[in-house]
Amino acid sequence: MPKLPHLSGAAVVKALEKLGFVKVRQSGSHVIMRRGSKGCVVPMHGEVKVGTLAGLLRQADISPDEFIAVL
């Protein structure tokens, strides 16, 4: 598994949009995104921690390699 980069919440949202996710809604500082029946919650922080990003990718059913390829 490749090392996940340190990214902002906005950069994570842009990468997920390239993978076909759409922004459903925003509640406070968290954006809810969905692609088909899979969804994930992205914290809109200055820097999303690597563990949080890994959990987010598991929630969205995306491999780290697939995610890094669209960055």
N, C-alpha and C. Protein backbone atom coordinates (compact mmCIF):
# COMPACT_ATOMS: atom_id res chain seq x y z
N MET A 1 0.85 -1.18 0.00
CA MET A 1 0.00 0.00 0.00
C MET A 1 0.88 1.23 0.00
N PRO A 2 0.64 2.16 -0.92
CA PRO A 2 1.46 3.37 -0.96
C PRO A 2 1.14 4.29 0.22
N LYS A 3 2.09 5.14 0.52
CA LYS A 3 1.89 6.11 1.60
C LYS A 3 0.92 7.18 1.14
N LEU A 4 -0.08 7.43 1.97
CA LEU A 4 -1.08 8.44 1.61
C LEU A 4 -0.51 9.84 1.90
N PRO A 5 -0.78 10.80 1.03
CA PRO A 5 -0.26 12.16 1.21
C PRO A 5 -1.10 12.96 2.22
N HIS A 6 -0.53 14.01 2.72
CA HIS A 6 -1.26 14.96 3.56
C HIS A 6 -1.97 15.93 2.62
N LEU A 7 -3.29 15.96 2.68
CA LEU A 7 -4.08 16.80 1.78
C LEU A 7 -5.09 17.61 2.58
N SER A 8 -5.54 18.70 1.99
CA SER A 8 -6.62 19.48 2.61
C SER A 8 -7.95 18.80 2.27
N GLY A 9 -8.99 19.16 3.00
CA GLY A 9 -10.31 18.62 2.72
C GLY A 9 -10.78 18.95 1.31
N ALA A 10 -10.49 20.16 0.85
CA ALA A 10 -10.89 20.58 -0.50
C ALA A 10 -10.20 19.72 -1.57
N ALA A 11 -8.93 19.38 -1.35
CA ALA A 11 -8.20 18.55 -2.31
C ALA A 11 -8.78 17.13 -2.35
N VAL A 12 -9.19 16.62 -1.20
CA VAL A 12 -9.81 15.29 -1.15
C VAL A 12 -11.13 15.31 -1.90
N VAL A 13 -11.92 16.35 -1.71
CA VAL A 13 -13.21 16.47 -2.41
C VAL A 13 -12.98 16.50 -3.93
N LYS A 14 -12.01 17.27 -4.40
CA LYS A 14 -11.72 17.36 -5.84
C LYS A 14 -11.32 16.00 -6.40
N ALA A 15 -10.48 15.27 -5.66
CA ALA A 15 -10.04 13.95 -6.12
C ALA A 15 -11.22 12.98 -6.17
N LEU A 16 -12.09 13.03 -5.17
CA LEU A 16 -13.26 12.14 -5.17
C LEU A 16 -14.22 12.50 -6.30
N GLU A 17 -14.34 13.78 -6.63
CA GLU A 17 -15.19 14.18 -7.75
C GLU A 17 -14.65 13.62 -9.07
N LYS A 18 -13.32 13.55 -9.20
CA LYS A 18 -12.71 12.96 -10.41
C LYS A 18 -13.03 11.47 -10.50
N LEU A 19 -13.26 10.83 -9.33
CA LEU A 19 -13.59 9.41 -9.29
C LEU A 19 -15.09 9.15 -9.43
N GLY A 20 -15.88 10.20 -9.66
CA GLY A 20 -17.30 10.03 -9.91
C GLY A 20 -18.21 10.31 -8.72
N PHE A 21 -17.66 10.76 -7.61
CA PHE A 21 -18.49 11.10 -6.45
C PHE A 21 -19.09 12.48 -6.65
N VAL A 22 -20.27 12.69 -6.07
CA VAL A 22 -20.92 13.99 -6.13
C VAL A 22 -21.16 14.47 -4.70
N LYS A 23 -21.10 15.77 -4.53
CA LYS A 23 -21.34 16.37 -3.23
C LYS A 23 -22.85 16.37 -2.99
N VAL A 24 -23.30 15.65 -1.97
CA VAL A 24 -24.73 15.55 -1.67
C VAL A 24 -25.16 16.73 -0.82
N ARG A 25 -24.40 16.97 0.26
CA ARG A 25 -24.72 18.09 1.14
C ARG A 25 -23.53 18.39 2.02
N GLN A 26 -23.60 19.50 2.73
CA GLN A 26 -22.57 19.86 3.69
C GLN A 26 -23.22 20.20 5.01
N SER A 27 -22.70 19.61 6.07
CA SER A 27 -23.22 19.85 7.40
C SER A 27 -22.06 20.38 8.24
N GLY A 28 -22.04 21.67 8.47
CA GLY A 28 -20.92 22.27 9.20
C GLY A 28 -19.64 22.17 8.40
N SER A 29 -18.61 21.56 8.99
CA SER A 29 -17.33 21.45 8.30
C SER A 29 -17.13 20.07 7.67
N HIS A 30 -18.22 19.34 7.43
CA HIS A 30 -18.13 18.02 6.83
C HIS A 30 -18.99 17.95 5.57
N VAL A 31 -18.40 17.41 4.50
CA VAL A 31 -19.10 17.25 3.23
C VAL A 31 -19.45 15.79 3.05
N ILE A 32 -20.70 15.52 2.70
CA ILE A 32 -21.15 14.15 2.46
C ILE A 32 -21.14 13.95 0.95
N MET A 33 -20.41 12.91 0.51
CA MET A 33 -20.29 12.62 -0.92
C MET A 33 -20.81 11.23 -1.19
N ARG A 34 -21.32 11.01 -2.41
CA ARG A 34 -21.92 9.73 -2.75
C ARG A 34 -21.63 9.37 -4.21
N ARG A 35 -21.45 8.06 -4.42
CA ARG A 35 -21.33 7.49 -5.77
C ARG A 35 -22.11 6.18 -5.75
N GLY A 36 -23.27 6.16 -6.35
CA GLY A 36 -24.12 4.97 -6.29
C GLY A 36 -24.58 4.73 -4.86
N SER A 37 -24.33 3.53 -4.36
CA SER A 37 -24.73 3.22 -2.99
C SER A 37 -23.61 3.48 -1.99
N LYS A 38 -22.43 3.82 -2.46
CA LYS A 38 -21.29 4.09 -1.58
C LYS A 38 -21.19 5.58 -1.29
N GLY A 39 -20.88 5.90 -0.06
CA GLY A 39 -20.74 7.29 0.32
C GLY A 39 -19.62 7.47 1.32
N CYS A 40 -19.26 8.71 1.58
CA CYS A 40 -18.22 9.00 2.56
C CYS A 40 -18.40 10.43 3.08
N VAL A 41 -17.80 10.69 4.21
CA VAL A 41 -17.86 11.99 4.85
C VAL A 41 -16.45 12.57 4.85
N VAL A 42 -16.29 13.75 4.26
CA VAL A 42 -14.98 14.39 4.16
C VAL A 42 -14.94 15.60 5.09
N PRO A 43 -14.01 15.62 6.06
CA PRO A 43 -13.88 16.80 6.91
C PRO A 43 -13.18 17.91 6.13
N MET A 44 -13.74 19.09 6.12
CA MET A 44 -13.16 20.22 5.38
C MET A 44 -12.17 20.96 6.27
N HIS A 45 -11.11 20.28 6.64
CA HIS A 45 -10.08 20.86 7.49
C HIS A 45 -8.90 21.29 6.63
N GLY A 46 -8.02 22.07 7.22
CA GLY A 46 -6.82 22.51 6.50
C GLY A 46 -5.96 21.34 6.08
N GLU A 47 -5.87 20.33 6.95
CA GLU A 47 -5.13 19.12 6.62
C GLU A 47 -5.88 17.93 7.20
N VAL A 48 -6.23 16.98 6.33
CA VAL A 48 -6.90 15.76 6.77
C VAL A 48 -5.81 14.78 7.17
N LYS A 49 -5.90 14.23 8.38
CA LYS A 49 -4.88 13.30 8.86
C LYS A 49 -4.90 12.03 8.01
N VAL A 50 -3.73 11.38 7.94
CA VAL A 50 -3.56 10.21 7.09
C VAL A 50 -4.50 9.08 7.52
N GLY A 51 -4.66 8.86 8.82
CA GLY A 51 -5.56 7.82 9.30
C GLY A 51 -7.00 8.10 8.95
N THR A 52 -7.38 9.37 9.02
CA THR A 52 -8.74 9.77 8.65
C THR A 52 -8.96 9.55 7.16
N LEU A 53 -7.96 9.88 6.35
CA LEU A 53 -8.06 9.69 4.90
C LEU A 53 -8.17 8.20 4.57
N ALA A 54 -7.40 7.36 5.26
CA ALA A 54 -7.47 5.92 5.03
C ALA A 54 -8.86 5.38 5.36
N GLY A 55 -9.43 5.83 6.46
CA GLY A 55 -10.78 5.41 6.84
C GLY A 55 -11.82 5.89 5.85
N LEU A 56 -11.64 7.10 5.37
CA LEU A 56 -12.55 7.68 4.38
C LEU A 56 -12.52 6.85 3.09
N LEU A 57 -11.34 6.42 2.67
CA LEU A 57 -11.21 5.62 1.45
C LEU A 57 -11.85 4.24 1.64
N ARG A 58 -11.70 3.65 2.83
CA ARG A 58 -12.36 2.37 3.12
C ARG A 58 -13.88 2.54 3.06
N GLN A 59 -14.37 3.63 3.64
CA GLN A 59 -15.80 3.93 3.65
C GLN A 59 -16.33 4.07 2.22
N ALA A 60 -15.54 4.69 1.35
CA ALA A 60 -15.95 4.93 -0.03
C ALA A 60 -15.65 3.74 -0.94
N ASP A 61 -14.98 2.71 -0.42
CA ASP A 61 -14.59 1.52 -1.19
C ASP A 61 -13.68 1.87 -2.36
N ILE A 62 -12.64 2.66 -2.05
CA ILE A 62 -11.64 3.08 -3.04
C ILE A 62 -10.28 2.60 -2.55
N SER A 63 -9.49 2.04 -3.44
CA SER A 63 -8.14 1.62 -3.05
C SER A 63 -7.22 2.86 -2.99
N PRO A 64 -6.22 2.84 -2.12
CA PRO A 64 -5.28 3.96 -2.07
C PRO A 64 -4.59 4.22 -3.41
N ASP A 65 -4.28 3.13 -4.15
CA ASP A 65 -3.65 3.30 -5.46
C ASP A 65 -4.56 4.06 -6.42
N GLU A 66 -5.83 3.72 -6.41
CA GLU A 66 -6.81 4.39 -7.28
C GLU A 66 -6.92 5.86 -6.92
N PHE A 67 -6.91 6.16 -5.62
CA PHE A 67 -7.03 7.54 -5.15
C PHE A 67 -5.80 8.35 -5.55
N ILE A 68 -4.61 7.79 -5.33
CA ILE A 68 -3.37 8.51 -5.64
C ILE A 68 -3.23 8.75 -7.14
N ALA A 69 -3.77 7.84 -7.94
CA ALA A 69 -3.68 7.98 -9.41
C ALA A 69 -4.41 9.22 -9.92
N VAL A 70 -5.46 9.67 -9.22
CA VAL A 70 -6.21 10.83 -9.70
C VAL A 70 -5.71 12.16 -9.13
N LEU A 71 -4.74 12.11 -8.23
CA LEU A 71 -4.23 13.36 -7.64
C LEU A 71 -3.42 14.16 -8.63
